[in-house]
Amino acid sequence: MWYQQRCVTRRAALTAAAISLTLGACSMERLSEMVPRAPDFSNFEWNPYSKATMAAAPLTRVKVTPADYVNADGSCAGASSDSATTEQAPSGVALQMTECAVVQMLGIPEKIDISANERGDRSVTLLYSRGERPGLYHFTAGQLTLIERVEEPPPPPKPQKPAPKPRRSVT
């Protein structure tokens, strides 16, 4: 019974749709009203206090100098051995950071691979498998372009409690 009511309702809907399409075809000049219009940004208002606008940093390339490069031993090319950095380090690693900025943040990497890519740009890969942010950090032309997750070492095993000693019965 409910199946018959459902079929009747479906037929009525299809009939109404066919009639409306037939009648709609008679007035082709109104077809342009049905086409979606392109968005109009002439009255768009930018809100400088929006969290979305403050969170995204502009994607401008910073001029990287040879002093921002990492040497094969993990030291920064522009850092002298007697000068200590007194600048406040940023709180995290982000794309477009320089090689030296990442090394100053995470320490000397376990493995360094320095080469050139197909365009002739400097290509550096730093491997950190331990520490706060383990990963494979890829740099192109001195700037961080990709961070890959690496397998983290398993946590140390939890100490096992010794088995309880059997109780002696008093007889």
C-alpha atoms as a PDB file:
ATOM      1  CA  MET A   1       0.000   0.000   0.000  1.00  0.00           C
ATOM      2  CA  TRP A   2       2.715   2.494   0.931  1.00  0.00           C
ATOM      3  CA  TYR A   3       4.553   1.473  -2.234  1.00  0.00           C
ATOM      4  CA  GLN A   4       1.571   2.454  -4.409  1.00  0.00           C
ATOM      5  CA  GLN A   5       1.328   5.866  -2.697  1.00  0.00           C
ATOM      6  CA  ARG A   6       5.016   6.429  -3.258  1.00  0.00           C
ATOM      7  CA  CYS A   7       4.696   5.587  -6.965  1.00  0.00           C
ATOM      8  CA  VAL A   8       1.750   7.995  -7.345  1.00  0.00           C
ATOM      9  CA  THR A   9       3.714  10.777  -5.653  1.00  0.00           C
ATOM     10  CA  ARG A  10       6.716  10.122  -7.874  1.00  0.00           C
ATOM     11  CA  ARG A  11       4.572  10.161 -11.053  1.00  0.00           C
ATOM     12  CA  ALA A  12       2.960  13.446 -10.011  1.00  0.00           C
ATOM     13  CA  ALA A  13       6.382  15.021  -9.440  1.00  0.00           C
ATOM     14  CA  LEU A  14       7.678  13.830 -12.804  1.00  0.00           C
ATOM     15  CA  THR A  15       4.543  15.115 -14.558  1.00  0.00           C
ATOM     16  CA  ALA A  16       4.881  18.537 -12.913  1.00  0.00           C
ATOM     17  CA  ALA A  17       8.564  18.707 -13.899  1.00  0.00           C
ATOM     18  CA  ALA A  18       7.772  17.797 -17.522  1.00  0.00           C
ATOM     19  CA  ILE A  19       5.039  20.452 -17.754  1.00  0.00           C
ATOM     20  CA  SER A  20       7.269  23.150 -16.262  1.00  0.00           C
ATOM     21  CA  LEU A  21      10.103  22.303 -18.666  1.00  0.00           C
ATOM     22  CA  THR A  22       7.736  22.390 -21.629  1.00  0.00           C
ATOM     23  CA  LEU A  23       6.275  25.748 -20.643  1.00  0.00           C
ATOM     24  CA  GLY A  24       9.705  27.122 -19.856  1.00  0.00           C
ATOM     25  CA  ALA A  25      10.933  26.358 -23.351  1.00  0.00           C
ATOM     26  CA  CYS A  26       8.284  28.702 -24.792  1.00  0.00           C
ATOM     27  CA  SER A  27       9.979  31.784 -23.352  1.00  0.00           C
ATOM     28  CA  MET A  28      13.645  31.575 -24.382  1.00  0.00           C
ATOM     29  CA  GLU A  29      14.323  35.251 -23.573  1.00  0.00           C
ATOM     30  CA  ARG A  30      14.036  34.454 -19.854  1.00  0.00           C
ATOM     31  CA  LEU A  31      16.685  31.740 -20.125  1.00  0.00           C
ATOM     32  CA  SER A  32      19.424  34.306 -19.424  1.00  0.00           C
ATOM     33  CA  GLU A  33      17.939  34.875 -15.968  1.00  0.00           C
ATOM     34  CA  MET A  34      18.583  31.245 -15.073  1.00  0.00           C
ATOM     35  CA  VAL A  35      22.329  31.362 -15.829  1.00  0.00           C
ATOM     36  CA  PRO A  36      24.384  32.046 -12.681  1.00  0.00           C
ATOM     37  CA  ARG A  37      26.204  35.368 -12.706  1.00  0.00           C
ATOM     38  CA  ALA A  38      29.846  35.922 -11.885  1.00  0.00           C
ATOM     39  CA  PRO A  39      30.456  37.227  -8.366  1.00  0.00           C
ATOM     40  CA  ASP A  40      30.698  40.982  -8.034  1.00  0.00           C
ATOM     41  CA  PHE A  41      33.567  42.050  -5.782  1.00  0.00           C
ATOM     42  CA  SER A  42      33.007  45.789  -6.230  1.00  0.00           C
ATOM     43  CA  ASN A  43      31.342  46.039  -2.822  1.00  0.00           C
ATOM     44  CA  PHE A  44      33.683  43.575  -1.071  1.00  0.00           C
ATOM     45  CA  GLU A  45      34.824  44.894   2.305  1.00  0.00           C
ATOM     46  CA  TRP A  46      38.145  43.726   3.705  1.00  0.00           C
ATOM     47  CA  ASN A  47      38.155  43.388   7.474  1.00  0.00           C
ATOM     48  CA  PRO A  48      41.653  43.960   8.885  1.00  0.00           C
ATOM     49  CA  TYR A  49      40.611  42.442  12.242  1.00  0.00           C
ATOM     50  CA  SER A  50      39.487  39.129  10.806  1.00  0.00           C
ATOM     51  CA  LYS A  51      41.392  36.102  12.106  1.00  0.00           C
ATOM     52  CA  ALA A  52      41.532  34.665   8.595  1.00  0.00           C
ATOM     53  CA  THR A  53      43.382  37.681   7.225  1.00  0.00           C
ATOM     54  CA  MET A  54      45.843  37.757  10.120  1.00  0.00           C
ATOM     55  CA  ALA A  55      46.640  34.038  10.062  1.00  0.00           C
ATOM     56  CA  ALA A  56      47.855  33.850   6.479  1.00  0.00           C
ATOM     57  CA  ALA A  57      51.285  35.270   5.831  1.00  0.00           C
ATOM     58  CA  PRO A  58      51.944  36.792   2.424  1.00  0.00           C
ATOM     59  CA  LEU A  59      53.597  34.379   0.023  1.00  0.00           C
ATOM     60  CA  THR A  60      56.522  36.552  -0.928  1.00  0.00           C
ATOM     61  CA  ARG A  61      59.920  35.055  -1.420  1.00  0.00           C
ATOM     62  CA  VAL A  62      62.554  36.344   0.950  1.00  0.00           C
ATOM     63  CA  LYS A  63      65.954  37.116  -0.516  1.00  0.00           C
ATOM     64  CA  VAL A  64      68.191  34.272   0.599  1.00  0.00           C
ATOM     65  CA  THR A  65      71.913  34.975   0.763  1.00  0.00           C
ATOM     66  CA  PRO A  66      74.772  32.458   0.930  1.00  0.00           C
ATOM     67  CA  ALA A  67      75.010  33.303   4.643  1.00  0.00           C
ATOM     68  CA  ASP A  68      71.642  31.538   5.091  1.00  0.00           C
ATOM     69  CA  TYR A  69      72.944  28.238   3.687  1.00  0.00           C
ATOM     70  CA  VAL A  70      73.973  25.199   5.733  1.00  0.00           C
ATOM     71  CA  ASN A  71      77.414  23.647   5.290  1.00  0.00           C
ATOM     72  CA  ALA A  72      77.966  19.898   4.911  1.00  0.00           C
ATOM     73  CA  ASP A  73      78.877  19.648   8.622  1.00  0.00           C
ATOM     74  CA  GLY A  74      75.570  21.225   9.742  1.00  0.00           C
ATOM     75  CA  SER A  75      76.901  24.665  10.602  1.00  0.00           C
ATOM     76  CA  CYS A  76      75.539  27.847   9.068  1.00  0.00           C
ATOM     77  CA  ALA A  77      77.711  29.345   6.353  1.00  0.00           C
ATOM     78  CA  GLY A  78      77.320  32.917   7.608  1.00  0.00           C
ATOM     79  CA  ALA A  79      77.718  32.225  11.337  1.00  0.00           C
ATOM     80  CA  SER A  80      81.092  32.838  12.860  1.00  0.00           C
ATOM     81  CA  SER A  81      82.296  30.476  15.577  1.00  0.00           C
ATOM     82  CA  ASP A  82      82.829  33.207  18.200  1.00  0.00           C
ATOM     83  CA  SER A  83      79.472  34.991  17.820  1.00  0.00           C
ATOM     84  CA  ALA A  84      76.513  33.696  19.788  1.00  0.00           C
ATOM     85  CA  THR A  85      73.026  34.353  18.503  1.00  0.00           C
ATOM     86  CA  THR A  86      71.088  36.564  20.883  1.00  0.00           C
ATOM     87  CA  GLU A  87      67.975  36.781  18.735  1.00  0.00           C
ATOM     88  CA  GLN A  88      64.751  35.193  19.931  1.00  0.00           C
ATOM     89  CA  ALA A  89      64.154  32.050  17.883  1.00  0.00           C
ATOM     90  CA  PRO A  90      60.696  31.578  16.348  1.00  0.00           C
ATOM     91  CA  SER A  91      58.392  29.106  18.071  1.00  0.00           C
ATOM     92  CA  GLY A  92      57.989  26.684  15.173  1.00  0.00           C
ATOM     93  CA  VAL A  93      59.228  25.555  11.802  1.00  0.00           C
ATOM     94  CA  ALA A  94      57.350  26.939   8.806  1.00  0.00           C
ATOM     95  CA  LEU A  95      57.591  26.774   5.048  1.00  0.00           C
ATOM     96  CA  GLN A  96      59.827  29.406   3.416  1.00  0.00           C
ATOM     97  CA  MET A  97      62.197  29.475   6.414  1.00  0.00           C
ATOM     98  CA  THR A  98      65.875  29.520   5.504  1.00  0.00           C
ATOM     99  CA  GLU A  99      68.200  26.571   6.022  1.00  0.00           C
ATOM    100  CA  CYS A 100      70.036  28.241   8.906  1.00  0.00           C
ATOM    101  CA  ALA A 101      66.802  29.257  10.635  1.00  0.00           C
ATOM    102  CA  VAL A 102      65.682  25.614  10.735  1.00  0.00           C
ATOM    103  CA  VAL A 103      69.098  24.415  11.929  1.00  0.00           C
ATOM    104  CA  GLN A 104      69.109  27.060  14.668  1.00  0.00           C
ATOM    105  CA  MET A 105      65.626  25.911  15.692  1.00  0.00           C
ATOM    106  CA  LEU A 106      66.129  22.119  15.604  1.00  0.00           C
ATOM    107  CA  GLY A 107      69.886  21.717  16.033  1.00  0.00           C
ATOM    108  CA  ILE A 108      72.400  19.953  13.820  1.00  0.00           C
ATOM    109  CA  PRO A 109      70.679  17.334  11.645  1.00  0.00           C
ATOM    110  CA  GLU A 110      71.655  13.674  11.531  1.00  0.00           C
ATOM    111  CA  LYS A 111      72.076  13.641   7.750  1.00  0.00           C
ATOM    112  CA  ILE A 112      72.614  16.440   5.213  1.00  0.00           C
ATOM    113  CA  ASP A 113      72.258  16.028   1.453  1.00  0.00           C
ATOM    114  CA  ILE A 114      73.338  19.020  -0.664  1.00  0.00           C
ATOM    115  CA  SER A 115      72.827  18.913  -4.434  1.00  0.00           C
ATOM    116  CA  ALA A 116      71.307  20.848  -7.341  1.00  0.00           C
ATOM    117  CA  ASN A 117      67.849  20.281  -8.816  1.00  0.00           C
ATOM    118  CA  GLU A 118      66.948  20.074 -12.515  1.00  0.00           C
ATOM    119  CA  ARG A 119      66.798  23.897 -12.777  1.00  0.00           C
ATOM    120  CA  GLY A 120      70.223  24.333 -11.227  1.00  0.00           C
ATOM    121  CA  ASP A 121      68.895  25.659  -7.888  1.00  0.00           C
ATOM    122  CA  ARG A 122      70.505  24.576  -4.639  1.00  0.00           C
ATOM    123  CA  SER A 123      68.621  21.616  -3.162  1.00  0.00           C
ATOM    124  CA  VAL A 124      69.222  20.563   0.448  1.00  0.00           C
ATOM    125  CA  THR A 125      67.615  17.779   2.477  1.00  0.00           C
ATOM    126  CA  LEU A 126      68.011  17.626   6.266  1.00  0.00           C
ATOM    127  CA  LEU A 127      67.042  14.525   8.262  1.00  0.00           C
ATOM    128  CA  TYR A 128      65.921  14.751  11.875  1.00  0.00           C
ATOM    129  CA  SER A 129      64.780  11.358  13.198  1.00  0.00           C
ATOM    130  CA  ARG A 130      64.832  12.305  16.889  1.00  0.00           C
ATOM    131  CA  GLY A 131      63.773  15.329  18.870  1.00  0.00           C
ATOM    132  CA  GLU A 132      60.610  17.427  19.025  1.00  0.00           C
ATOM    133  CA  ARG A 133      59.993  17.593  15.258  1.00  0.00           C
ATOM    134  CA  PRO A 134      61.345  14.510  13.495  1.00  0.00           C
ATOM    135  CA  GLY A 135      61.118  14.726   9.749  1.00  0.00           C
ATOM    136  CA  LEU A 136      62.793  15.104   6.394  1.00  0.00           C
ATOM    137  CA  TYR A 137      63.131  18.819   5.575  1.00  0.00           C
ATOM    138  CA  HIS A 138      63.530  19.747   1.888  1.00  0.00           C
ATOM    139  CA  PHE A 139      64.935  23.127   0.833  1.00  0.00           C
ATOM    140  CA  THR A 140      65.024  24.684  -2.633  1.00  0.00           C
ATOM    141  CA  ALA A 141      67.159  27.770  -3.251  1.00  0.00           C
ATOM    142  CA  GLY A 142      67.720  28.117   0.506  1.00  0.00           C
ATOM    143  CA  GLN A 143      64.046  28.088   1.564  1.00  0.00           C
ATOM    144  CA  LEU A 144      62.017  25.291   3.156  1.00  0.00           C
ATOM    145  CA  THR A 145      59.586  23.860   0.597  1.00  0.00           C
ATOM    146  CA  LEU A 146      58.511  20.471   1.995  1.00  0.00           C
ATOM    147  CA  ILE A 147      58.421  18.659   5.341  1.00  0.00           C
ATOM    148  CA  GLU A 148      57.990  14.887   5.265  1.00  0.00           C
ATOM    149  CA  ARG A 149      57.075  12.781   8.258  1.00  0.00           C
ATOM    150  CA  VAL A 150      59.562  10.059   9.176  1.00  0.00           C
ATOM    151  CA  GLU A 151      59.070   6.938  11.212  1.00  0.00           C
ATOM    152  CA  GLU A 152      59.505   7.862  14.848  1.00  0.00           C
ATOM    153  CA  PRO A 153      61.461   5.485  17.058  1.00  0.00           C
ATOM    154  CA  PRO A 154      59.212   3.348  19.245  1.00  0.00           C
ATOM    155  CA  PRO A 155      58.772   4.533  22.835  1.00  0.00           C
ATOM    156  CA  PRO A 156      60.878   2.740  25.447  1.00  0.00           C
ATOM    157  CA  PRO A 157      59.145  -0.318  26.903  1.00  0.00           C
ATOM    158  CA  LYS A 158      57.334   0.177  30.182  1.00  0.00           C
ATOM    159  CA  PRO A 159      58.931  -1.580  33.135  1.00  0.00           C
ATOM    160  CA  GLN A 160      57.103  -4.781  34.057  1.00  0.00           C
ATOM    161  CA  LYS A 161      55.961  -5.306  37.605  1.00  0.00           C
ATOM    162  CA  PRO A 162      57.497  -8.353  39.224  1.00  0.00           C
ATOM    163  CA  ALA A 163      55.178 -11.305  39.704  1.00  0.00           C
ATOM    164  CA  PRO A 164      53.717 -11.457  43.208  1.00  0.00           C
ATOM    165  CA  LYS A 165      55.255 -14.040  45.468  1.00  0.00           C
ATOM    166  CA  PRO A 166      52.970 -16.847  46.560  1.00  0.00           C
ATOM    167  CA  ARG A 167      51.725 -16.546  50.127  1.00  0.00           C
ATOM    168  CA  ARG A 168      52.820 -19.027  52.654  1.00  0.00           C
ATOM    169  CA  SER A 169      50.077 -20.719  54.508  1.00  0.00           C
ATOM    170  CA  VAL A 170      50.416 -21.005  58.268  1.00  0.00           C
ATOM    171  CA  THR A 171      49.640 -24.484  59.625  1.00  0.00           C
END
